[in-house]
Amino acid sequence: MDYLILLAIGAVMGLFGGLLGIGGSVVMIPAMVIFFGPNQHLYQAAAMICNFFVAASAAVVHKKANVLVVDVIKLLIPAAIVGIIAGVALSNVTFFSGENSKNLTRAFGLFLIYVIFYNLNKLRSFRGGSDGLDLSRSRRSKPLTLLSGVVTGLSAGLLGIGGGAVCTPLQQLCLRMPLKRAISNSAALISATALVGAFYKNITLAKHGISVVESIKIAAVIIPTASIAAFAGGRLMHVLPKNVVRIAFIGLLIAASYKMLTA
């Protein structure tokens, strides 16, 4: 593999990961398919390792900015751990194995379409004026918080994503969490759960005829630039207008989803 391409992929995934509270897999996995061809299980295993470093770098910034909602995070994390273990197990069933791994690639492509429409809707409904931090209208619900965590974890384990692209809109929908708070919470959740999913996914790579060493090599090259970019992205999140980032992100996802669905 071309190491310069991997370093560039790391920088882009880290930047968007820090800005949007995602692990960065929605950038990394399609990019790997575009430059190196389909190998979904390998890319997911490597991406899940990288997700931890991307999210942890951003979470440090959000913690220093005092924007994390701790009582929500305490419920999200254990629920997401249960979900991510179930999701990895699901990704290894026959329907997603061997020649059928293309089903997993296409499932990821469909997931990207969901993320595109979610972000388009946020652009359309944007009213301005809010800094995305006001908790006065948020709703505390233990069942809905646990449900959000489980669904996030299940999606993360199945698709090899950090889960922020699921967790952020779920928090907004179920808990009425303001955008920047939801993004920050998502980063904290990923940094606490990604390694659990990464460990489980990597030890099951042998089922698909893939060596765990291949996954670790990819992650080792990507992590340095991804971590630095994620730290920068986390700081930019508190400065840039959110919709500027959304527009660039939507364009990236349109190209990525097309590649995944036609792989």
Protein backbone atom coordinates (compact mmCIF):
# COMPACT_ATOMS: atom_id res chain seq x y z
CA MET A 1 0.00 0.00 0.00
CA ASP A 2 1.11 3.56 -0.69
CA TYR A 3 2.04 5.05 2.69
CA LEU A 4 1.57 8.63 1.51
CA ILE A 5 -2.03 7.85 0.57
CA LEU A 6 -2.60 6.28 3.99
CA LEU A 7 -1.15 9.32 5.73
CA ALA A 8 -3.42 11.60 3.69
CA ILE A 9 -6.46 9.43 4.50
CA GLY A 10 -5.54 9.72 8.17
CA ALA A 11 -5.37 13.50 8.00
CA VAL A 12 -8.79 13.80 6.34
CA MET A 13 -10.51 11.27 8.61
CA GLY A 14 -9.01 12.95 11.68
CA LEU A 15 -10.10 16.42 10.63
CA PHE A 16 -13.70 15.40 9.99
CA GLY A 17 -13.65 13.14 13.04
CA GLY A 18 -12.72 16.03 15.30
CA LEU A 19 -15.13 18.46 13.66
CA LEU A 20 -18.17 16.18 13.66
CA GLY A 21 -17.66 13.88 16.64
CA ILE A 22 -17.22 10.77 14.50
CA GLY A 23 -14.47 8.17 14.51
CA GLY A 24 -13.67 8.91 10.90
CA SER A 25 -14.51 5.51 9.40
CA VAL A 26 -17.10 7.10 7.09
CA VAL A 27 -14.09 8.80 5.48
CA MET A 28 -11.43 6.11 5.89
CA ILE A 29 -13.29 3.02 4.68
CA PRO A 30 -14.61 4.49 1.39
CA ALA A 31 -11.18 6.05 0.75
CA MET A 32 -9.52 2.66 1.24
CA VAL A 33 -11.96 1.11 -1.24
CA ILE A 34 -11.32 3.89 -3.77
CA PHE A 35 -7.51 3.67 -3.61
CA PHE A 36 -6.90 0.00 -2.79
CA GLY A 37 -10.03 -1.91 -3.87
CA PRO A 38 -12.67 -3.75 -1.81
CA ASN A 39 -11.60 -5.58 1.35
CA GLN A 40 -14.31 -4.58 3.78
CA HIS A 41 -13.46 -6.72 6.80
CA LEU A 42 -9.80 -5.66 6.75
CA TYR A 43 -10.65 -1.98 6.41
CA GLN A 44 -13.26 -2.14 9.16
CA ALA A 45 -10.81 -3.82 11.55
CA ALA A 46 -8.14 -1.18 10.89
CA ALA A 47 -10.65 1.67 11.03
CA MET A 48 -11.98 0.57 14.41
CA ILE A 49 -8.47 0.85 15.85
CA CYS A 50 -8.05 4.32 14.33
CA ASN A 51 -11.47 5.42 15.62
CA PHE A 52 -10.21 5.31 19.19
CA PHE A 53 -7.28 7.65 18.55
CA VAL A 54 -9.34 10.08 16.47
CA ALA A 55 -12.15 10.28 19.02
CA ALA A 56 -9.84 10.41 22.03
CA SER A 57 -7.92 13.37 20.56
CA ALA A 58 -11.16 15.26 19.97
CA ALA A 59 -12.65 14.27 23.34
CA VAL A 60 -9.67 15.81 25.16
CA VAL A 61 -10.44 19.14 23.47
CA HIS A 62 -14.16 18.93 24.30
CA LYS A 63 -13.42 18.07 27.93
CA LYS A 64 -11.15 21.10 28.25
CA ALA A 65 -13.93 23.23 26.74
CA ASN A 66 -16.31 21.80 29.39
CA VAL A 67 -19.01 20.88 26.88
CA LEU A 68 -19.46 17.18 27.73
CA VAL A 69 -22.78 16.15 29.31
CA VAL A 70 -21.47 13.65 31.84
CA ASP A 71 -24.77 12.21 33.09
CA VAL A 72 -25.72 11.31 29.51
CA ILE A 73 -22.31 9.84 28.67
CA LYS A 74 -22.41 7.56 31.73
CA LEU A 75 -25.47 5.83 30.30
CA LEU A 76 -24.48 5.90 26.63
CA ILE A 77 -21.12 4.15 27.06
CA PRO A 78 -22.13 0.84 28.73
CA ALA A 79 -25.12 0.50 26.39
CA ALA A 80 -22.86 1.11 23.37
CA ILE A 81 -20.38 -1.53 24.54
CA VAL A 82 -23.14 -4.14 24.58
CA GLY A 83 -24.27 -2.98 21.14
CA ILE A 84 -20.81 -2.97 19.57
CA ILE A 85 -20.10 -6.56 20.63
CA ALA A 86 -23.41 -7.66 19.11
CA GLY A 87 -22.67 -5.66 15.95
CA VAL A 88 -19.25 -7.26 15.37
CA ALA A 89 -20.78 -10.70 15.85
CA LEU A 90 -23.43 -9.82 13.27
CA SER A 91 -20.79 -8.62 10.78
CA ASN A 92 -19.20 -12.08 10.84
CA VAL A 93 -22.30 -14.09 9.90
CA THR A 94 -22.43 -15.94 6.56
CA PHE A 95 -24.47 -13.20 4.88
CA PHE A 96 -21.49 -10.84 5.26
CA SER A 97 -18.61 -13.35 4.86
CA GLY A 98 -16.46 -14.52 1.96
CA GLU A 99 -17.86 -13.49 -1.41
CA ASN A 100 -20.83 -12.09 0.48
CA SER A 101 -18.60 -9.41 2.03
CA LYS A 102 -19.87 -7.21 -0.80
CA ASN A 103 -23.15 -7.12 1.15
CA LEU A 104 -21.30 -5.45 4.00
CA THR A 105 -19.74 -2.94 1.59
CA ARG A 106 -23.16 -2.10 0.17
CA ALA A 107 -24.68 -1.90 3.63
CA PHE A 108 -22.05 0.69 4.45
CA GLY A 109 -22.91 2.56 1.25
CA LEU A 110 -26.58 2.65 2.27
CA PHE A 111 -25.56 3.90 5.68
CA LEU A 112 -23.65 6.75 4.03
CA ILE A 113 -26.80 7.74 2.14
CA TYR A 114 -28.59 8.02 5.48
CA VAL A 115 -25.79 10.28 6.78
CA ILE A 116 -26.04 12.43 3.62
CA PHE A 117 -29.79 12.97 4.00
CA TYR A 118 -29.45 13.63 7.71
CA ASN A 119 -26.91 16.39 7.04
CA LEU A 120 -28.94 17.80 4.14
CA ASN A 121 -31.94 18.03 6.43
CA LYS A 122 -29.87 19.86 9.05
CA LEU A 123 -28.81 22.34 6.37
CA ARG A 124 -32.41 22.85 5.26
CA SER A 125 -33.69 23.35 8.79
CA PHE A 126 -30.85 25.64 9.90
CA ARG A 127 -32.17 28.79 11.55
CA GLY A 128 -28.99 30.29 12.96
CA GLY A 129 -28.55 32.05 16.27
CA SER A 130 -27.75 29.06 18.44
CA ASP A 131 -24.22 28.14 19.48
CA GLY A 132 -25.26 24.49 19.77
CA LEU A 133 -24.55 24.37 23.51
CA ASP A 134 -27.74 25.50 25.28
CA LEU A 135 -29.09 22.63 27.41
CA SER A 136 -32.28 24.39 28.52
CA ARG A 137 -34.44 22.45 26.06
CA SER A 138 -32.70 19.10 26.38
CA ARG A 139 -34.63 16.08 27.63
CA ARG A 140 -33.28 13.54 30.13
CA SER A 141 -34.62 10.03 29.58
CA LYS A 142 -32.76 6.98 30.85
CA PRO A 143 -34.55 4.50 28.49
CA LEU A 144 -33.99 6.70 25.42
CA THR A 145 -30.36 7.31 26.36
CA LEU A 146 -29.75 3.56 26.75
CA LEU A 147 -31.53 2.89 23.45
CA SER A 148 -29.35 5.49 21.72
CA GLY A 149 -26.25 3.80 23.10
CA VAL A 150 -27.27 0.31 22.02
CA VAL A 151 -28.22 1.40 18.49
CA THR A 152 -24.98 3.37 18.18
CA GLY A 153 -22.91 0.39 19.31
CA LEU A 154 -24.74 -2.05 17.05
CA SER A 155 -24.14 0.18 14.02
CA ALA A 156 -20.50 0.69 14.98
CA GLY A 157 -19.82 -3.02 15.32
CA LEU A 158 -21.64 -4.03 12.15
CA LEU A 159 -20.19 -1.33 9.86
CA GLY A 160 -16.83 -0.67 11.50
CA ILE A 161 -17.68 2.97 12.21
CA GLY A 162 -17.01 4.95 15.36
CA GLY A 163 -20.73 5.55 15.77
CA GLY A 164 -20.79 9.33 15.93
CA ALA A 165 -22.78 9.60 12.71
CA VAL A 166 -25.50 7.60 14.49
CA CYS A 167 -25.06 8.84 18.05
CA THR A 168 -25.18 12.56 17.25
CA PRO A 169 -28.55 12.55 15.43
CA LEU A 170 -30.00 10.06 17.95
CA GLN A 171 -29.12 12.39 20.81
CA GLN A 172 -30.71 15.28 18.96
CA LEU A 173 -33.84 13.28 18.18
CA CYS A 174 -34.32 11.41 21.46
CA LEU A 175 -32.76 13.74 24.00
CA ARG A 176 -33.08 17.11 22.21
CA MET A 177 -29.36 17.51 22.75
CA PRO A 178 -27.88 20.68 21.14
CA LEU A 179 -25.55 19.94 18.24
CA LYS A 180 -22.16 20.75 19.73
CA ARG A 181 -23.02 18.94 22.95
CA ALA A 182 -24.14 15.88 20.95
CA ILE A 183 -20.94 15.92 18.89
CA SER A 184 -18.80 16.17 22.03
CA ASN A 185 -20.69 13.36 23.75
CA SER A 186 -20.25 11.19 20.65
CA ALA A 187 -16.50 11.70 20.68
CA ALA A 188 -16.36 10.67 24.34
CA LEU A 189 -18.50 7.59 23.64
CA ILE A 190 -16.28 6.47 20.75
CA SER A 191 -13.08 6.93 22.74
CA ALA A 192 -14.53 4.68 25.45
CA THR A 193 -15.95 1.94 23.20
CA ALA A 194 -13.89 1.80 20.00
CA LEU A 195 -11.12 -0.41 21.38
CA VAL A 196 -13.67 -2.98 22.56
CA GLY A 197 -15.06 -3.30 19.06
CA ALA A 198 -11.59 -3.14 17.50
CA PHE A 199 -10.29 -5.99 19.65
CA TYR A 200 -13.27 -8.22 18.89
CA LYS A 201 -13.23 -7.44 15.17
CA ASN A 202 -9.50 -8.04 14.80
CA ILE A 203 -9.47 -11.38 16.58
CA THR A 204 -12.18 -12.59 14.19
CA LEU A 205 -10.33 -11.59 11.00
CA ALA A 206 -9.01 -15.14 10.62
CA LYS A 207 -12.57 -16.23 9.79
CA HIS A 208 -12.22 -14.21 6.60
CA GLY A 209 -8.70 -15.39 5.76
CA ILE A 210 -7.10 -12.11 6.85
CA SER A 211 -4.13 -11.70 9.19
CA VAL A 212 -4.55 -9.28 12.07
CA VAL A 213 -1.05 -8.00 11.25
CA GLU A 214 -2.41 -6.45 8.05
CA SER A 215 -4.98 -4.47 10.02
CA ILE A 216 -2.44 -3.29 12.58
CA LYS A 217 -0.01 -2.16 9.85
CA ILE A 218 -2.66 0.00 8.20
CA ALA A 219 -3.74 1.50 11.52
CA ALA A 220 -0.13 2.19 12.56
CA VAL A 221 0.45 4.34 9.46
CA ILE A 222 -2.86 6.22 9.67
CA ILE A 223 -3.02 6.92 13.42
CA PRO A 224 -0.32 9.66 13.69
CA THR A 225 -1.81 12.04 11.10
CA ALA A 226 -5.36 11.13 12.14
CA SER A 227 -4.70 11.97 15.80
CA ILE A 228 -3.05 15.31 15.05
CA ALA A 229 -5.80 16.30 12.61
CA ALA A 230 -8.52 15.19 15.06
CA PHE A 231 -7.08 17.46 17.75
CA ALA A 232 -7.12 20.36 15.30
CA GLY A 233 -10.63 19.45 14.13
CA GLY A 234 -11.89 19.36 17.70
CA ARG A 235 -10.64 22.89 18.27
CA LEU A 236 -12.09 24.10 14.98
CA MET A 237 -15.49 22.71 15.96
CA HIS A 238 -15.77 25.48 18.53
CA VAL A 239 -14.81 28.15 15.97
CA LEU A 240 -16.18 27.35 12.51
CA PRO A 241 -19.85 27.69 11.48
CA LYS A 242 -21.16 24.14 11.56
CA ASN A 243 -22.86 24.32 8.19
CA VAL A 244 -19.61 25.16 6.41
CA VAL A 245 -18.32 21.80 7.58
CA ARG A 246 -21.60 20.07 6.71
CA ILE A 247 -21.46 21.19 3.07
CA ALA A 248 -17.92 19.86 2.57
CA PHE A 249 -18.81 16.65 4.41
CA ILE A 250 -21.91 16.06 2.27
CA GLY A 251 -19.88 16.38 -0.93
CA LEU A 252 -17.35 13.89 0.35
CA LEU A 253 -20.05 11.41 1.36
CA ILE A 254 -21.83 11.57 -2.00
CA ALA A 255 -18.66 10.45 -3.78
CA ALA A 256 -17.93 7.81 -1.12
CA SER A 257 -21.43 6.29 -1.12
CA TYR A 258 -21.38 5.96 -4.92
CA LYS A 259 -18.08 4.09 -4.74
CA MET A 260 -19.29 1.78 -1.98
CA LEU A 261 -22.58 0.91 -3.68
CA THR A 262 -20.88 0.18 -7.02
CA ALA A 263 -17.83 -1.63 -5.62
